[in-house]
C-alpha atoms as a PDB file:
ATOM      1  CA  UNK A   1     -35.942  15.319  67.026  1.00  0.00           C
ATOM      2  CA  UNK A   2     -38.430  16.595  64.612  1.00  0.00           C
ATOM      3  CA  UNK A   3     -38.637  15.474  60.564  1.00  0.00           C
ATOM      4  CA  UNK A   4     -38.939  18.625  58.674  1.00  0.00           C
ATOM      5  CA  UNK A   5     -39.505  19.389  54.639  1.00  0.00           C
ATOM      6  CA  UNK A   6     -41.717  21.927  52.920  1.00  0.00           C
ATOM      7  CA  UNK A   7     -45.221  20.583  53.099  1.00  0.00           C
ATOM      8  CA  UNK A   8     -47.916  22.366  50.830  1.00  0.00           C
ATOM      9  CA  UNK A   9     -51.216  21.623  50.452  1.00  0.00           C
ATOM     10  CA  UNK A  10     -52.068  19.892  47.933  1.00  0.00           C
ATOM     11  CA  UNK A  11     -49.325  18.030  48.446  1.00  0.00           C
ATOM     12  CA  UNK A  12     -45.967  17.706  46.120  1.00  0.00           C
ATOM     13  CA  UNK A  13     -43.971  14.621  44.778  1.00  0.00           C
ATOM     14  CA  UNK A  14     -40.647  15.619  46.096  1.00  0.00           C
ATOM     15  CA  UNK A  15     -40.826  16.675  49.401  1.00  0.00           C
ATOM     16  CA  UNK A  16     -43.724  13.861  50.038  1.00  0.00           C
ATOM     17  CA  UNK A  17     -40.715  11.581  49.340  1.00  0.00           C
ATOM     18  CA  UNK A  18     -39.457  12.371  53.307  1.00  0.00           C
ATOM     19  CA  UNK A  19     -43.007  11.043  54.679  1.00  0.00           C
ATOM     20  CA  UNK A  20     -41.776   7.504  53.116  1.00  0.00           C
ATOM     21  CA  UNK A  21     -38.245   7.415  53.016  1.00  0.00           C
ATOM     22  CA  UNK A  22     -36.496   8.798  56.700  1.00  0.00           C
ATOM     23  CA  UNK A  23     -38.879   6.404  59.034  1.00  0.00           C
ATOM     24  CA  UNK A  24     -37.677   3.127  56.828  1.00  0.00           C
ATOM     25  CA  UNK A  25     -33.807   4.304  56.660  1.00  0.00           C
ATOM     26  CA  UNK A  26     -33.686   5.654  60.375  1.00  0.00           C
ATOM     27  CA  UNK A  27     -33.888   3.193  63.410  1.00  0.00           C
ATOM     28  CA  UNK A  28     -37.401   2.988  65.028  1.00  0.00           C
ATOM     29  CA  UNK A  29     -38.127   6.244  67.058  1.00  0.00           C
ATOM     30  CA  UNK A  30     -35.142   7.971  66.195  1.00  0.00           C
ATOM     31  CA  UNK A  31     -37.684  11.182  64.824  1.00  0.00           C
ATOM     32  CA  UNK A  32     -40.274  12.143  66.667  1.00  0.00           C
ATOM     33  CA  UNK A  33     -41.844  15.445  67.390  1.00  0.00           C
ATOM     34  CA  UNK A  34     -39.539  17.209  69.908  1.00  0.00           C
ATOM     35  CA  UNK A  35     -38.750  20.926  67.350  1.00  0.00           C
ATOM     36  CA  UNK A  36     -35.758  21.196  69.920  1.00  0.00           C
ATOM     37  CA  UNK A  37     -34.038  19.348  66.946  1.00  0.00           C
ATOM     38  CA  UNK A  38     -34.643  19.776  63.480  1.00  0.00           C
ATOM     39  CA  UNK A  39     -33.914  16.835  60.364  1.00  0.00           C
ATOM     40  CA  UNK A  40     -33.549  19.128  57.823  1.00  0.00           C
ATOM     41  CA  UNK A  41     -34.169  16.067  54.267  1.00  0.00           C
ATOM     42  CA  UNK A  42     -35.063  16.530  50.823  1.00  0.00           C
ATOM     43  CA  UNK A  43     -35.975  19.589  49.293  1.00  0.00           C
ATOM     44  CA  UNK A  44     -34.615  23.333  48.881  1.00  0.00           C
ATOM     45  CA  UNK A  45     -35.282  24.299  52.894  1.00  0.00           C
ATOM     46  CA  UNK A  46     -31.998  25.840  53.215  1.00  0.00           C
ATOM     47  CA  UNK A  47     -34.197  29.322  53.877  1.00  0.00           C
ATOM     48  CA  UNK A  48     -32.710  31.935  56.711  1.00  0.00           C
ATOM     49  CA  UNK A  49     -36.218  32.115  57.805  1.00  0.00           C
ATOM     50  CA  UNK A  50     -35.809  28.548  60.000  1.00  0.00           C
ATOM     51  CA  UNK A  51     -36.219  28.908  63.720  1.00  0.00           C
ATOM     52  CA  UNK A  52     -32.913  29.752  65.056  1.00  0.00           C
ATOM     53  CA  UNK A  53     -32.860  28.675  68.523  1.00  0.00           C
ATOM     54  CA  UNK A  54     -32.895  24.645  67.176  1.00  0.00           C
ATOM     55  CA  UNK A  55     -30.022  22.709  66.384  1.00  0.00           C
ATOM     56  CA  UNK A  56     -30.478  21.735  62.319  1.00  0.00           C
ATOM     57  CA  UNK A  57     -29.239  18.478  60.994  1.00  0.00           C
ATOM     58  CA  UNK A  58     -28.839  19.113  57.447  1.00  0.00           C
ATOM     59  CA  UNK A  59     -29.097  15.447  55.194  1.00  0.00           C
ATOM     60  CA  UNK A  60     -28.706  16.431  51.692  1.00  0.00           C
ATOM     61  CA  UNK A  61     -30.891  19.380  51.429  1.00  0.00           C
ATOM     62  CA  UNK A  62     -30.011  22.421  48.904  1.00  0.00           C
ATOM     63  CA  UNK A  63     -30.454  26.323  48.459  1.00  0.00           C
ATOM     64  CA  UNK A  64     -32.732  26.991  45.782  1.00  0.00           C
ATOM     65  CA  UNK A  65     -32.952  31.163  46.116  1.00  0.00           C
ATOM     66  CA  UNK A  66     -36.211  30.771  47.845  1.00  0.00           C
ATOM     67  CA  UNK A  67     -34.774  33.071  50.426  1.00  0.00           C
ATOM     68  CA  UNK A  68     -31.232  34.513  51.382  1.00  0.00           C
ATOM     69  CA  UNK A  69     -29.057  32.561  52.325  1.00  0.00           C
ATOM     70  CA  UNK A  70     -29.079  30.874  55.698  1.00  0.00           C
ATOM     71  CA  UNK A  71     -26.096  31.804  58.398  1.00  0.00           C
ATOM     72  CA  UNK A  72     -24.894  28.473  58.838  1.00  0.00           C
ATOM     73  CA  UNK A  73     -21.653  29.047  60.663  1.00  0.00           C
ATOM     74  CA  UNK A  74     -24.208  30.755  63.884  1.00  0.00           C
ATOM     75  CA  UNK A  75     -24.015  27.475  65.745  1.00  0.00           C
ATOM     76  CA  UNK A  76     -27.036  26.367  65.383  1.00  0.00           C
ATOM     77  CA  UNK A  77     -26.761  24.078  62.035  1.00  0.00           C
ATOM     78  CA  UNK A  78     -24.833  20.631  61.903  1.00  0.00           C
ATOM     79  CA  UNK A  79     -24.240  19.973  57.904  1.00  0.00           C
ATOM     80  CA  UNK A  80     -24.416  16.660  57.496  1.00  0.00           C
ATOM     81  CA  UNK A  81     -24.286  16.897  53.421  1.00  0.00           C
ATOM     82  CA  UNK A  82     -25.650  18.862  51.155  1.00  0.00           C
ATOM     83  CA  UNK A  83     -27.370  18.540  47.788  1.00  0.00           C
ATOM     84  CA  UNK A  84     -24.578  19.637  45.383  1.00  0.00           C
ATOM     85  CA  UNK A  85     -21.490  22.313  44.635  1.00  0.00           C
ATOM     86  CA  UNK A  86     -23.672  25.532  44.226  1.00  0.00           C
ATOM     87  CA  UNK A  87     -25.593  24.720  47.618  1.00  0.00           C
ATOM     88  CA  UNK A  88     -22.126  24.644  49.433  1.00  0.00           C
ATOM     89  CA  UNK A  89     -20.612  27.579  47.579  1.00  0.00           C
ATOM     90  CA  UNK A  90     -23.806  29.914  48.525  1.00  0.00           C
ATOM     91  CA  UNK A  91     -23.676  28.750  51.976  1.00  0.00           C
ATOM     92  CA  UNK A  92     -19.736  29.147  52.173  1.00  0.00           C
ATOM     93  CA  UNK A  93     -19.118  25.696  53.481  1.00  0.00           C
ATOM     94  CA  UNK A  94     -16.872  22.993  52.569  1.00  0.00           C
ATOM     95  CA  UNK A  95     -17.259  21.510  49.013  1.00  0.00           C
ATOM     96  CA  UNK A  96     -16.771  18.230  50.112  1.00  0.00           C
ATOM     97  CA  UNK A  97     -19.831  18.097  51.892  1.00  0.00           C
ATOM     98  CA  UNK A  98     -21.798  18.460  48.287  1.00  0.00           C
ATOM     99  CA  UNK A  99     -22.480  14.564  48.323  1.00  0.00           C
ATOM    100  CA  UNK A 100     -25.800  14.664  46.323  1.00  0.00           C
ATOM    101  CA  UNK A 101     -29.667  15.025  46.882  1.00  0.00           C
ATOM    102  CA  UNK A 102     -30.502  12.859  49.639  1.00  0.00           C
ATOM    103  CA  UNK A 103     -33.725  11.541  47.643  1.00  0.00           C
ATOM    104  CA  UNK A 104     -30.388   9.719  46.339  1.00  0.00           C
ATOM    105  CA  UNK A 105     -31.314   6.898  48.971  1.00  0.00           C
ATOM    106  CA  UNK A 106     -34.677   5.621  47.597  1.00  0.00           C
ATOM    107  CA  UNK A 107     -31.643   3.004  45.915  1.00  0.00           C
ATOM    108  CA  UNK A 108     -31.113   1.690  49.822  1.00  0.00           C
ATOM    109  CA  UNK A 109     -34.715   1.160  50.263  1.00  0.00           C
ATOM    110  CA  UNK A 110     -37.607  -1.430  49.299  1.00  0.00           C
ATOM    111  CA  UNK A 111     -39.894   0.419  47.004  1.00  0.00           C
ATOM    112  CA  UNK A 112     -43.344  -0.439  45.152  1.00  0.00           C
ATOM    113  CA  UNK A 113     -43.032  -2.861  42.022  1.00  0.00           C
ATOM    114  CA  UNK A 114     -42.194  -1.504  38.907  1.00  0.00           C
ATOM    115  CA  UNK A 115     -46.117  -0.483  37.045  1.00  0.00           C
ATOM    116  CA  UNK A 116     -45.741  -2.556  33.885  1.00  0.00           C
ATOM    117  CA  UNK A 117     -45.830  -1.358  30.522  1.00  0.00           C
ATOM    118  CA  UNK A 118     -46.077   2.303  31.938  1.00  0.00           C
ATOM    119  CA  UNK A 119     -44.324   3.505  28.823  1.00  0.00           C
ATOM    120  CA  UNK A 120     -43.605   7.151  28.669  1.00  0.00           C
ATOM    121  CA  UNK A 121     -44.669   9.371  31.183  1.00  0.00           C
ATOM    122  CA  UNK A 122     -44.406  13.121  32.116  1.00  0.00           C
ATOM    123  CA  UNK A 123     -44.798  14.759  35.041  1.00  0.00           C
ATOM    124  CA  UNK A 124     -44.841  18.388  35.483  1.00  0.00           C
ATOM    125  CA  UNK A 125     -43.545  20.804  38.433  1.00  0.00           C
ATOM    126  CA  UNK A 126     -46.183  20.810  41.345  1.00  0.00           C
ATOM    127  CA  UNK A 127     -47.501  24.178  40.528  1.00  0.00           C
ATOM    128  CA  UNK A 128     -47.716  23.465  36.699  1.00  0.00           C
ATOM    129  CA  UNK A 129     -50.157  20.923  37.332  1.00  0.00           C
ATOM    130  CA  UNK A 130     -51.868  23.453  39.049  1.00  0.00           C
ATOM    131  CA  UNK A 131     -51.858  26.189  36.166  1.00  0.00           C
ATOM    132  CA  UNK A 132     -51.580  24.191  33.411  1.00  0.00           C
ATOM    133  CA  UNK A 133     -53.814  21.686  31.018  1.00  0.00           C
ATOM    134  CA  UNK A 134     -51.010  18.745  30.911  1.00  0.00           C
ATOM    135  CA  UNK A 135     -52.983  15.875  31.479  1.00  0.00           C
ATOM    136  CA  UNK A 136     -54.722  17.099  28.667  1.00  0.00           C
ATOM    137  CA  UNK A 137     -51.247  17.697  26.960  1.00  0.00           C
ATOM    138  CA  UNK A 138     -50.347  13.810  27.397  1.00  0.00           C
ATOM    139  CA  UNK A 139     -53.639  12.254  26.761  1.00  0.00           C
ATOM    140  CA  UNK A 140     -53.733  14.129  23.409  1.00  0.00           C
ATOM    141  CA  UNK A 141     -49.638  12.935  22.950  1.00  0.00           C
ATOM    142  CA  UNK A 142     -50.154   9.321  23.633  1.00  0.00           C
ATOM    143  CA  UNK A 143     -48.282  10.023  26.790  1.00  0.00           C
ATOM    144  CA  UNK A 144     -48.762   8.727  31.121  1.00  0.00           C
ATOM    145  CA  UNK A 145     -49.511  11.684  33.408  1.00  0.00           C
ATOM    146  CA  UNK A 146     -47.883  12.106  36.314  1.00  0.00           C
ATOM    147  CA  UNK A 147     -49.614  14.079  38.922  1.00  0.00           C
ATOM    148  CA  UNK A 148     -46.786  15.011  41.157  1.00  0.00           C
ATOM    149  CA  UNK A 149     -49.477  15.949  43.589  1.00  0.00           C
ATOM    150  CA  UNK A 150     -50.948  12.484  43.860  1.00  0.00           C
ATOM    151  CA  UNK A 151     -49.575   9.331  46.222  1.00  0.00           C
ATOM    152  CA  UNK A 152     -45.663   9.188  46.318  1.00  0.00           C
ATOM    153  CA  UNK A 153     -45.289   5.119  46.625  1.00  0.00           C
ATOM    154  CA  UNK A 154     -47.794   4.925  43.546  1.00  0.00           C
ATOM    155  CA  UNK A 155     -45.441   7.509  41.568  1.00  0.00           C
ATOM    156  CA  UNK A 156     -42.728   5.608  42.484  1.00  0.00           C
ATOM    157  CA  UNK A 157     -44.304   2.529  40.945  1.00  0.00           C
ATOM    158  CA  UNK A 158     -45.139   4.265  37.408  1.00  0.00           C
ATOM    159  CA  UNK A 159     -41.832   5.699  37.603  1.00  0.00           C
ATOM    160  CA  UNK A 160     -40.081   2.600  37.886  1.00  0.00           C
ATOM    161  CA  UNK A 161     -42.198   0.560  35.055  1.00  0.00           C
ATOM    162  CA  UNK A 162     -41.453   3.854  32.489  1.00  0.00           C
ATOM    163  CA  UNK A 163     -38.729   3.146  29.950  1.00  0.00           C
ATOM    164  CA  UNK A 164     -38.720   7.156  29.711  1.00  0.00           C
ATOM    165  CA  UNK A 165     -40.002  10.096  32.171  1.00  0.00           C
ATOM    166  CA  UNK A 166     -39.969  13.374  31.117  1.00  0.00           C
ATOM    167  CA  UNK A 167     -39.917  15.832  33.704  1.00  0.00           C
ATOM    168  CA  UNK A 168     -41.012  19.529  34.938  1.00  0.00           C
ATOM    169  CA  UNK A 169     -40.474  18.552  38.513  1.00  0.00           C
ATOM    170  CA  UNK A 170     -36.281  18.188  39.587  1.00  0.00           C
ATOM    171  CA  UNK A 171     -37.425  15.292  41.728  1.00  0.00           C
ATOM    172  CA  UNK A 172     -38.844  13.696  38.618  1.00  0.00           C
ATOM    173  CA  UNK A 173     -35.326  13.763  37.555  1.00  0.00           C
ATOM    174  CA  UNK A 174     -33.523  12.619  40.749  1.00  0.00           C
ATOM    175  CA  UNK A 175     -35.895  10.008  41.333  1.00  0.00           C
ATOM    176  CA  UNK A 176     -36.015   8.783  37.464  1.00  0.00           C
ATOM    177  CA  UNK A 177     -31.896   8.746  37.677  1.00  0.00           C
ATOM    178  CA  UNK A 178     -31.843   7.299  40.981  1.00  0.00           C
ATOM    179  CA  UNK A 179     -33.912   4.381  39.725  1.00  0.00           C
ATOM    180  CA  UNK A 180     -31.667   4.399  36.277  1.00  0.00           C
ATOM    181  CA  UNK A 181     -35.110   5.134  33.921  1.00  0.00           C
ATOM    182  CA  UNK A 182     -34.027   7.619  31.343  1.00  0.00           C
ATOM    183  CA  UNK A 183     -35.471  10.823  31.641  1.00  0.00           C
ATOM    184  CA  UNK A 184     -35.367  14.584  30.120  1.00  0.00           C
ATOM    185  CA  UNK A 185     -35.332  17.411  31.734  1.00  0.00           C
ATOM    186  CA  UNK A 186     -37.715  20.358  30.769  1.00  0.00           C
ATOM    187  CA  UNK A 187     -36.908  23.614  31.967  1.00  0.00           C
ATOM    188  CA  UNK A 188     -39.522  24.977  34.529  1.00  0.00           C
ATOM    189  CA  UNK A 189     -41.355  27.519  33.433  1.00  0.00           C
ATOM    190  CA  UNK A 190     -41.021  29.856  36.326  1.00  0.00           C
ATOM    191  CA  UNK A 191     -37.602  30.982  36.472  1.00  0.00           C
ATOM    192  CA  UNK A 192     -37.003  31.002  39.942  1.00  0.00           C
ATOM    193  CA  UNK A 193     -36.927  26.758  40.038  1.00  0.00           C
ATOM    194  CA  UNK A 194     -34.247  26.519  37.339  1.00  0.00           C
ATOM    195  CA  UNK A 195     -30.813  26.963  39.374  1.00  0.00           C
ATOM    196  CA  UNK A 196     -31.390  24.039  41.808  1.00  0.00           C
ATOM    197  CA  UNK A 197     -31.501  21.638  38.754  1.00  0.00           C
ATOM    198  CA  UNK A 198     -27.362  22.496  38.382  1.00  0.00           C
ATOM    199  CA  UNK A 199     -26.793  22.527  41.852  1.00  0.00           C
ATOM    200  CA  UNK A 200     -27.852  18.699  41.560  1.00  0.00           C
ATOM    201  CA  UNK A 201     -26.606  17.926  37.930  1.00  0.00           C
ATOM    202  CA  UNK A 202     -22.892  19.066  39.837  1.00  0.00           C
ATOM    203  CA  UNK A 203     -22.904  16.404  42.533  1.00  0.00           C
ATOM    204  CA  UNK A 204     -22.951  13.645  40.059  1.00  0.00           C
ATOM    205  CA  UNK A 205     -20.838  15.698  37.497  1.00  0.00           C
ATOM    206  CA  UNK A 206     -22.939  15.505  34.316  1.00  0.00           C
ATOM    207  CA  UNK A 207     -24.393  18.469  32.260  1.00  0.00           C
ATOM    208  CA  UNK A 208     -28.091  19.079  31.781  1.00  0.00           C
ATOM    209  CA  UNK A 209     -29.448  18.629  28.329  1.00  0.00           C
ATOM    210  CA  UNK A 210     -32.823  20.518  29.339  1.00  0.00           C
ATOM    211  CA  UNK A 211     -35.449  20.671  26.938  1.00  0.00           C
ATOM    212  CA  UNK A 212     -38.041  23.289  26.159  1.00  0.00           C
ATOM    213  CA  UNK A 213     -42.073  22.839  25.813  1.00  0.00           C
ATOM    214  CA  UNK A 214     -44.145  25.235  25.000  1.00  0.00           C
ATOM    215  CA  UNK A 215     -47.240  26.498  28.067  1.00  0.00           C
ATOM    216  CA  UNK A 216     -50.037  24.262  27.968  1.00  0.00           C
ATOM    217  CA  UNK A 217     -52.563  27.222  28.128  1.00  0.00           C
ATOM    218  CA  UNK A 218     -52.363  30.929  28.858  1.00  0.00           C
ATOM    219  CA  UNK A 219     -51.961  31.070  32.362  1.00  0.00           C
ATOM    220  CA  UNK A 220     -48.501  29.228  31.630  1.00  0.00           C
ATOM    221  CA  UNK A 221     -47.590  31.433  28.779  1.00  0.00           C
ATOM    222  CA  UNK A 222     -48.468  34.873  31.146  1.00  0.00           C
ATOM    223  CA  UNK A 223     -46.004  32.820  33.668  1.00  0.00           C
ATOM    224  CA  UNK A 224     -43.343  32.364  30.966  1.00  0.00           C
ATOM    225  CA  UNK A 225     -43.302  35.907  30.105  1.00  0.00           C
ATOM    226  CA  UNK A 226     -43.926  38.102  32.656  1.00  0.00           C
ATOM    227  CA  UNK A 227     -41.726  35.371  35.386  1.00  0.00           C
ATOM    228  CA  UNK A 228     -44.784  35.793  37.346  1.00  0.00           C
ATOM    229  CA  UNK A 229     -45.971  32.950  39.172  1.00  0.00           C
ATOM    230  CA  UNK A 230     -50.108  33.804  38.812  1.00  0.00           C
ATOM    231  CA  UNK A 231     -50.890  31.647  41.571  1.00  0.00           C
ATOM    232  CA  UNK A 232     -53.865  33.292  42.399  1.00  0.00           C
ATOM    233  CA  UNK A 233     -57.336  32.346  41.878  1.00  0.00           C
ATOM    234  CA  UNK A 234     -58.458  35.859  40.110  1.00  0.00           C
ATOM    235  CA  UNK A 235     -55.308  35.123  37.594  1.00  0.00           C
ATOM    236  CA  UNK A 236     -56.439  31.592  37.369  1.00  0.00           C
ATOM    237  CA  UNK A 237     -60.272  32.225  36.725  1.00  0.00           C
ATOM    238  CA  UNK A 238     -59.279  34.877  34.186  1.00  0.00           C
ATOM    239  CA  UNK A 239     -56.818  32.639  31.780  1.00  0.00           C
ATOM    240  CA  UNK A 240     -59.141  29.709  31.829  1.00  0.00           C
ATOM    241  CA  UNK A 241     -62.811  31.433  31.367  1.00  0.00           C
ATOM    242  CA  UNK A 242     -64.862  30.732  28.241  1.00  0.00           C
ATOM    243  CA  UNK A 243     -63.652  33.497  26.156  1.00  0.00           C
ATOM    244  CA  UNK A 244     -59.790  31.910  26.466  1.00  0.00           C
ATOM    245  CA  UNK A 245     -61.199  28.473  25.279  1.00  0.00           C
ATOM    246  CA  UNK A 246     -59.867  28.695  21.663  1.00  0.00           C
ATOM    247  CA  UNK A 247     -56.324  29.849  22.760  1.00  0.00           C
ATOM    248  CA  UNK A 248     -56.401  27.490  25.447  1.00  0.00           C
ATOM    249  CA  UNK A 249     -57.324  24.535  22.807  1.00  0.00           C
ATOM    250  CA  UNK A 250     -54.322  25.797  20.672  1.00  0.00           C
ATOM    251  CA  UNK A 251     -51.643  25.873  23.133  1.00  0.00           C
ATOM    252  CA  UNK A 252     -52.665  22.588  24.793  1.00  0.00           C
ATOM    253  CA  UNK A 253     -52.453  20.847  21.286  1.00  0.00           C
ATOM    254  CA  UNK A 254     -49.008  22.599  20.305  1.00  0.00           C
ATOM    255  CA  UNK A 255     -47.694  21.264  23.571  1.00  0.00           C
ATOM    256  CA  UNK A 256     -49.014  18.244  23.314  1.00  0.00           C
ATOM    257  CA  UNK A 257     -47.108  17.924  19.809  1.00  0.00           C
ATOM    258  CA  UNK A 258     -43.661  18.982  21.686  1.00  0.00           C
ATOM    259  CA  UNK A 259     -44.165  16.305  23.818  1.00  0.00           C
ATOM    260  CA  UNK A 260     -44.608  13.629  21.020  1.00  0.00           C
ATOM    261  CA  UNK A 261     -41.380  15.170  19.147  1.00  0.00           C
ATOM    262  CA  UNK A 262     -39.177  15.042  22.375  1.00  0.00           C
ATOM    263  CA  UNK A 263     -39.975  11.232  22.360  1.00  0.00           C
ATOM    264  CA  UNK A 264     -38.441  10.948  18.935  1.00  0.00           C
ATOM    265  CA  UNK A 265     -36.176  13.243  18.680  1.00  0.00           C
ATOM    266  CA  UNK A 266     -34.142  14.112  22.031  1.00  0.00           C
ATOM    267  CA  UNK A 267     -31.936  11.601  23.687  1.00  0.00           C
ATOM    268  CA  UNK A 268     -32.795  10.903  27.522  1.00  0.00           C
ATOM    269  CA  UNK A 269     -30.365  11.697  29.888  1.00  0.00           C
ATOM    270  CA  UNK A 270     -28.590   9.562  32.608  1.00  0.00           C
ATOM    271  CA  UNK A 271     -26.065  10.079  35.105  1.00  0.00           C
ATOM    272  CA  UNK A 272     -23.229   7.980  35.037  1.00  0.00           C
ATOM    273  CA  UNK A 273     -23.388   4.587  36.627  1.00  0.00           C
ATOM    274  CA  UNK A 274     -19.636   5.176  38.831  1.00  0.00           C
ATOM    275  CA  UNK A 275     -21.249   8.471  40.139  1.00  0.00           C
ATOM    276  CA  UNK A 276     -24.382   7.872  41.761  1.00  0.00           C
ATOM    277  CA  UNK A 277     -23.194   4.627  42.866  1.00  0.00           C
ATOM    278  CA  UNK A 278     -20.517   6.360  44.480  1.00  0.00           C
ATOM    279  CA  UNK A 279     -22.682   9.414  45.944  1.00  0.00           C
ATOM    280  CA  UNK A 280     -25.077   6.735  47.235  1.00  0.00           C
ATOM    281  CA  UNK A 281     -22.400   4.943  49.350  1.00  0.00           C
ATOM    282  CA  UNK A 282     -21.181   8.412  50.984  1.00  0.00           C
ATOM    283  CA  UNK A 283     -24.914   9.477  51.666  1.00  0.00           C
ATOM    284  CA  UNK A 284     -25.162   6.186  53.550  1.00  0.00           C
ATOM    285  CA  UNK A 285     -21.837   6.532  55.180  1.00  0.00           C
ATOM    286  CA  UNK A 286     -22.800  10.414  56.165  1.00  0.00           C
ATOM    287  CA  UNK A 287     -26.341   9.023  57.416  1.00  0.00           C
ATOM    288  CA  UNK A 288     -24.445   6.266  59.193  1.00  0.00           C
ATOM    289  CA  UNK A 289     -22.143   8.553  60.996  1.00  0.00           C
ATOM    290  CA  UNK A 290     -24.695  10.797  62.067  1.00  0.00           C
ATOM    291  CA  UNK A 291     -27.246   8.126  63.462  1.00  0.00           C
ATOM    292  CA  UNK A 292     -24.502   6.696  65.517  1.00  0.00           C
ATOM    293  CA  UNK A 293     -23.308   9.761  67.391  1.00  0.00           C
ATOM    294  CA  UNK A 294     -26.502   9.718  69.001  1.00  0.00           C
ATOM    295  CA  UNK A 295     -27.500   6.355  69.330  1.00  0.00           C
ATOM    296  CA  UNK A 296     -25.262   4.043  72.221  1.00  0.00           C
ATOM    297  CA  UNK A 297     -25.601   0.855  68.668  1.00  0.00           C
ATOM    298  CA  UNK A 298     -24.592   1.134  64.977  1.00  0.00           C
ATOM    299  CA  UNK A 299     -27.433   1.452  62.590  1.00  0.00           C
ATOM    300  CA  UNK A 300     -27.301  -1.215  60.101  1.00  0.00           C
ATOM    301  CA  UNK A 301     -28.981  -0.111  57.110  1.00  0.00           C
ATOM    302  CA  UNK A 302     -30.724  -2.338  54.339  1.00  0.00           C
ATOM    303  CA  UNK A 303     -28.865  -1.406  51.030  1.00  0.00           C
ATOM    304  CA  UNK A 304     -30.636  -2.609  48.267  1.00  0.00           C
ATOM    305  CA  UNK A 305     -29.304  -0.827  45.736  1.00  0.00           C
ATOM    306  CA  UNK A 306     -31.188   0.062  42.511  1.00  0.00           C
ATOM    307  CA  UNK A 307     -29.777  -0.193  39.165  1.00  0.00           C
END
């Protein structure tokens, strides 16, 4: 059974959590490279173009609207649990399967020790890390910069040590929330990344209070105004060329000032303690039950909840 998730170069924090989490939570040898069955983990990976033949086991994955909804009723899907109620509705399945994003199971595994004194940190979406100038904005604002393309364990250590997480990356919020680090969500610059936040929040029964950041350069401004990703080399070169330098400098200083104001004026969020404890337990129970159907002996998970 092959672990399946969105793989991108450069890497992306939320997706790369799969590479460290499942191999610790599952029995040794449970996952392999056999594509006859697919183990779908963390991420908005319920696409309509996944291969038809293999059985696809869904473990807290979500539908992000990046393709049409897949037909999970065609006999090649085993939905163990889902990220949230929006996904359940779009797929036409039992809403009781909408437990939570499976990254919540970081609460059940050993994690790297927190980086002391990490303070306030900001994580952009990995596409914004490529398009924008957020490292400079964070430096100007006196805020720690978390590049979602960096090593996952290093990022987890810094999140654990933070007093406040500001994040455009949904899994930045999911992980901070799971580890009980107060967070402020940022409305994603690319509109298509926004709906999935409601899916996750709905699973834990709380309302989002997203803040807005201005673009950190002209390329991000283009994305915000047009709704186009602006990923190509030509667009990056055009908006970051030297004639644009004065405008880009003004924009990054404006973004830095807004980051500072967020830390002073916006109340951070956390999902209710009871809701996240219950969702963690339900996710573990669902995973336990699935493992027992595939192995001769029950799997004993090391349940080390982080509160």
